[in-house]
Amino acid sequence: MIVVANRIPVAPGYEQAFENRFRDRAHLVEHAPGFVRQEVLRPRTAGTPYIVMTHWQDEASFRAWTDSAAFRAAHAHRPPDAMFTGPAQLEIHEVLDT
């Protein structure tokens, strides 16, 4: 299993709008082959990013999702640049132990 962590630096004042985007999303990733689960982590310390973690059976499943029409649809309506204080950082980790 792999975990993809997307660290997203949300600008002050945009937290609720960012969280609403996840609550109101189309939930397309949940139907992707190899998808296991998603977690959206809210920072408890000011200045730290939100983390969106998706769990996948394998990296090939994640890569197939990022190449899919569903992925493009899920990311078609980008929020304003002002919502972020910098670029998101994507990390891919292999689960070593649970």
C-alpha atoms as a PDB file:
ATOM      1  CA  MET A   1       0.000   0.000   0.000  1.00  0.00           C
ATOM      2  CA  ILE A   2       1.110   3.580  -0.600  1.00  0.00           C
ATOM      3  CA  VAL A   3       0.028   6.858   0.939  1.00  0.00           C
ATOM      4  CA  VAL A   4       0.073  10.060  -1.065  1.00  0.00           C
ATOM      5  CA  ALA A   5       0.354  13.162   1.111  1.00  0.00           C
ATOM      6  CA  ASN A   6      -0.456  16.493  -0.483  1.00  0.00           C
ATOM      7  CA  ARG A   7       0.652  19.313   1.842  1.00  0.00           C
ATOM      8  CA  ILE A   8      -1.407  22.397   1.015  1.00  0.00           C
ATOM      9  CA  PRO A   9      -0.511  25.778   2.565  1.00  0.00           C
ATOM     10  CA  VAL A  10      -3.837  27.588   2.964  1.00  0.00           C
ATOM     11  CA  ALA A  11      -3.759  31.359   3.449  1.00  0.00           C
ATOM     12  CA  PRO A  12      -5.222  32.810   6.638  1.00  0.00           C
ATOM     13  CA  GLY A  13      -8.900  33.619   6.198  1.00  0.00           C
ATOM     14  CA  TYR A  14      -9.429  30.923   3.547  1.00  0.00           C
ATOM     15  CA  GLU A  15      -9.589  27.924   5.879  1.00  0.00           C
ATOM     16  CA  GLN A  16     -13.387  27.565   5.814  1.00  0.00           C
ATOM     17  CA  ALA A  17     -13.562  27.955   2.034  1.00  0.00           C
ATOM     18  CA  PHE A  18     -10.846  25.324   1.627  1.00  0.00           C
ATOM     19  CA  GLU A  19     -12.635  22.899   3.954  1.00  0.00           C
ATOM     20  CA  ASN A  20     -15.948  23.495   2.179  1.00  0.00           C
ATOM     21  CA  ARG A  21     -14.336  22.524  -1.132  1.00  0.00           C
ATOM     22  CA  PHE A  22     -13.669  19.065   0.317  1.00  0.00           C
ATOM     23  CA  ARG A  23     -17.109  18.722   1.858  1.00  0.00           C
ATOM     24  CA  ASP A  24     -18.795  19.745  -1.412  1.00  0.00           C
ATOM     25  CA  ARG A  25     -16.576  17.848  -3.848  1.00  0.00           C
ATOM     26  CA  ALA A  26     -17.882  15.283  -6.321  1.00  0.00           C
ATOM     27  CA  HIS A  27     -16.156  12.339  -4.521  1.00  0.00           C
ATOM     28  CA  LEU A  28     -14.745  11.026  -7.793  1.00  0.00           C
ATOM     29  CA  VAL A  29     -11.540   9.607  -6.316  1.00  0.00           C
ATOM     30  CA  GLU A  30     -13.530   7.115  -4.243  1.00  0.00           C
ATOM     31  CA  HIS A  31     -14.463   5.290  -7.456  1.00  0.00           C
ATOM     32  CA  ALA A  32     -10.904   4.992  -8.769  1.00  0.00           C
ATOM     33  CA  PRO A  33      -9.559   1.427  -9.015  1.00  0.00           C
ATOM     34  CA  GLY A  34      -7.078   0.776  -6.224  1.00  0.00           C
ATOM     35  CA  PHE A  35      -8.309   3.644  -4.027  1.00  0.00           C
ATOM     36  CA  VAL A  36      -8.517   2.703  -0.345  1.00  0.00           C
ATOM     37  CA  ARG A  37      -9.405   5.868   1.580  1.00  0.00           C
ATOM     38  CA  GLN A  38      -8.831   9.598   1.939  1.00  0.00           C
ATOM     39  CA  GLU A  39      -8.183  11.772   4.963  1.00  0.00           C
ATOM     40  CA  VAL A  40      -8.062  15.564   5.099  1.00  0.00           C
ATOM     41  CA  LEU A  41      -6.000  16.746   8.046  1.00  0.00           C
ATOM     42  CA  ARG A  42      -6.622  20.208   9.513  1.00  0.00           C
ATOM     43  CA  PRO A  43      -3.532  21.823  11.048  1.00  0.00           C
ATOM     44  CA  ARG A  44      -3.599  22.509  14.774  1.00  0.00           C
ATOM     45  CA  THR A  45      -0.569  24.805  14.591  1.00  0.00           C
ATOM     46  CA  ALA A  46      -0.749  28.161  12.808  1.00  0.00           C
ATOM     47  CA  GLY A  47       1.311  28.336   9.649  1.00  0.00           C
ATOM     48  CA  THR A  48       1.364  24.594   8.967  1.00  0.00           C
ATOM     49  CA  PRO A  49      -0.319  23.162   5.879  1.00  0.00           C
ATOM     50  CA  TYR A  50      -3.434  21.084   5.546  1.00  0.00           C
ATOM     51  CA  ILE A  51      -2.576  17.539   4.499  1.00  0.00           C
ATOM     52  CA  VAL A  52      -4.728  15.537   2.110  1.00  0.00           C
ATOM     53  CA  MET A  53      -3.775  11.875   2.386  1.00  0.00           C
ATOM     54  CA  THR A  54      -4.985   9.279  -0.076  1.00  0.00           C
ATOM     55  CA  HIS A  55      -4.281   5.607   0.466  1.00  0.00           C
ATOM     56  CA  TRP A  56      -3.868   3.331  -2.550  1.00  0.00           C
ATOM     57  CA  GLN A  57      -3.343  -0.382  -3.108  1.00  0.00           C
ATOM     58  CA  ASP A  58      -0.246   0.451  -5.154  1.00  0.00           C
ATOM     59  CA  GLU A  59       1.489   3.320  -6.936  1.00  0.00           C
ATOM     60  CA  ALA A  60       0.210   2.185 -10.329  1.00  0.00           C
ATOM     61  CA  SER A  61      -3.369   2.761  -9.122  1.00  0.00           C
ATOM     62  CA  PHE A  62      -2.489   6.291  -7.980  1.00  0.00           C
ATOM     63  CA  ARG A  63      -0.731   7.061 -11.288  1.00  0.00           C
ATOM     64  CA  ALA A  64      -3.737   5.752 -13.241  1.00  0.00           C
ATOM     65  CA  TRP A  65      -6.000   8.078 -11.211  1.00  0.00           C
ATOM     66  CA  THR A  66      -3.820  11.096 -12.037  1.00  0.00           C
ATOM     67  CA  ASP A  67      -4.019  10.220 -15.742  1.00  0.00           C
ATOM     68  CA  SER A  68      -7.807   9.746 -15.737  1.00  0.00           C
ATOM     69  CA  ALA A  69     -10.642  11.924 -16.992  1.00  0.00           C
ATOM     70  CA  ALA A  70     -12.156  11.724 -13.497  1.00  0.00           C
ATOM     71  CA  PHE A  71      -8.988  13.305 -12.050  1.00  0.00           C
ATOM     72  CA  ARG A  72      -9.172  16.134 -14.583  1.00  0.00           C
ATOM     73  CA  ALA A  73     -12.849  16.665 -13.725  1.00  0.00           C
ATOM     74  CA  ALA A  74     -12.110  16.641  -9.986  1.00  0.00           C
ATOM     75  CA  HIS A  75      -9.473  19.346 -10.433  1.00  0.00           C
ATOM     76  CA  ALA A  76     -11.205  21.403 -13.138  1.00  0.00           C
ATOM     77  CA  HIS A  77     -12.432  24.246 -10.933  1.00  0.00           C
ATOM     78  CA  ARG A  78      -9.305  25.552  -9.293  1.00  0.00           C
ATOM     79  CA  PRO A  79      -9.715  27.914  -6.358  1.00  0.00           C
ATOM     80  CA  PRO A  80      -8.251  31.430  -6.495  1.00  0.00           C
ATOM     81  CA  ASP A  81      -4.481  31.673  -6.083  1.00  0.00           C
ATOM     82  CA  ALA A  82      -5.056  33.915  -3.041  1.00  0.00           C
ATOM     83  CA  MET A  83      -6.310  30.827  -1.156  1.00  0.00           C
ATOM     84  CA  PHE A  84      -2.736  29.541  -0.909  1.00  0.00           C
ATOM     85  CA  THR A  85       0.502  30.880   0.529  1.00  0.00           C
ATOM     86  CA  GLY A  86       2.641  28.750  -1.764  1.00  0.00           C
ATOM     87  CA  PRO A  87       2.651  25.607  -3.879  1.00  0.00           C
ATOM     88  CA  ALA A  88       1.385  22.278  -2.601  1.00  0.00           C
ATOM     89  CA  GLN A  89       3.982  19.585  -1.942  1.00  0.00           C
ATOM     90  CA  LEU A  90       3.200  16.046  -3.033  1.00  0.00           C
ATOM     91  CA  GLU A  91       4.844  13.113  -1.255  1.00  0.00           C
ATOM     92  CA  ILE A  92       4.466   9.400  -1.957  1.00  0.00           C
ATOM     93  CA  HIS A  93       5.228   6.929   0.820  1.00  0.00           C
ATOM     94  CA  GLU A  94       5.141   3.166   0.980  1.00  0.00           C
ATOM     95  CA  VAL A  95       3.440   1.779   4.087  1.00  0.00           C
ATOM     96  CA  LEU A  96       6.123   0.011   6.060  1.00  0.00           C
ATOM     97  CA  ASP A  97       4.100  -0.978   9.125  1.00  0.00           C
ATOM     98  CA  THR A  98       0.595  -0.540  10.493  1.00  0.00           C
END
